[in-house]
């Protein structure tokens, strides 16, 4: 992954520094072990989590920089 200072939130139009990794997959498209990652700032974490969770895509949320 890039230097944490270079990572920005994945929310549309947001340019804030990312603090969280939202790891997800779409079970209809991805194998169980495949993980896609959205990045979130503190302000958008809950919104992005809700979007993924409503679709049963969210697998885990970890701080930026976590393995």
Protein backbone atom coordinates (compact mmCIF):
# COMPACT_ATOMS: atom_id res chain seq x y z
CA UNK A 1 0.00 0.00 0.00
CA UNK A 2 1.10 3.61 -0.48
CA UNK A 3 2.42 5.89 2.24
CA UNK A 4 -0.55 6.49 4.57
CA UNK A 5 -0.24 10.27 4.11
CA UNK A 6 -0.96 9.83 0.36
CA UNK A 7 -4.18 7.87 0.83
CA UNK A 8 -7.48 9.71 0.49
CA UNK A 9 -11.05 8.81 1.32
CA UNK A 10 -13.02 6.88 -1.33
CA UNK A 11 -16.23 8.87 -0.74
CA UNK A 12 -17.26 10.82 -3.82
CA UNK A 13 -15.67 14.27 -3.81
CA UNK A 14 -13.80 13.80 -0.54
CA UNK A 15 -10.08 14.60 -0.48
CA UNK A 16 -9.51 14.01 3.24
CA UNK A 17 -6.77 11.69 4.43
CA UNK A 18 -7.96 8.10 4.86
CA UNK A 19 -7.93 6.63 8.36
CA UNK A 20 -9.77 3.35 7.73
CA UNK A 21 -9.71 0.46 5.28
CA UNK A 22 -13.11 -1.07 4.52
CA UNK A 23 -12.37 -4.51 3.13
CA UNK A 24 -15.16 -6.06 1.13
CA UNK A 25 -16.12 -8.44 -1.63
CA UNK A 26 -19.14 -9.22 -3.73
CA UNK A 27 -19.72 -12.96 -3.32
CA UNK A 28 -21.46 -13.13 -6.70
CA UNK A 29 -18.31 -11.84 -8.42
CA UNK A 30 -15.34 -12.58 -6.15
CA UNK A 31 -13.94 -15.67 -4.50
CA UNK A 32 -14.34 -15.85 -0.71
CA UNK A 33 -10.70 -14.89 -0.07
CA UNK A 34 -10.68 -11.90 -2.48
CA UNK A 35 -10.78 -8.48 -0.81
CA UNK A 36 -11.41 -5.12 -2.40
CA UNK A 37 -10.58 -2.04 -0.32
CA UNK A 38 -12.31 1.28 0.06
CA UNK A 39 -10.62 3.95 2.13
CA UNK A 40 -12.52 6.18 4.54
CA UNK A 41 -11.89 9.33 6.53
CA UNK A 42 -13.48 9.64 9.97
CA UNK A 43 -16.44 11.60 8.54
CA UNK A 44 -17.35 9.07 5.83
CA UNK A 45 -16.58 5.77 7.54
CA UNK A 46 -20.14 5.15 8.78
CA UNK A 47 -21.71 6.04 5.43
CA UNK A 48 -19.40 3.77 3.41
CA UNK A 49 -19.78 0.95 5.97
CA UNK A 50 -23.58 1.20 5.76
CA UNK A 51 -23.51 1.08 1.97
CA UNK A 52 -21.38 -2.08 1.91
CA UNK A 53 -23.13 -3.72 4.87
CA UNK A 54 -26.59 -3.22 3.35
CA UNK A 55 -25.42 -5.33 0.40
CA UNK A 56 -23.68 -7.91 2.64
CA UNK A 57 -20.33 -7.00 1.04
CA UNK A 58 -18.49 -5.69 4.12
CA UNK A 59 -15.96 -8.16 5.54
CA UNK A 60 -13.83 -6.10 7.94
CA UNK A 61 -12.79 -2.57 8.89
CA UNK A 62 -9.21 -1.92 9.96
CA UNK A 63 -7.05 1.17 10.44
CA UNK A 64 -4.97 2.35 7.49
CA UNK A 65 -1.57 0.70 7.71
CA UNK A 66 -2.89 -2.52 9.24
CA UNK A 67 -1.79 -5.67 7.42
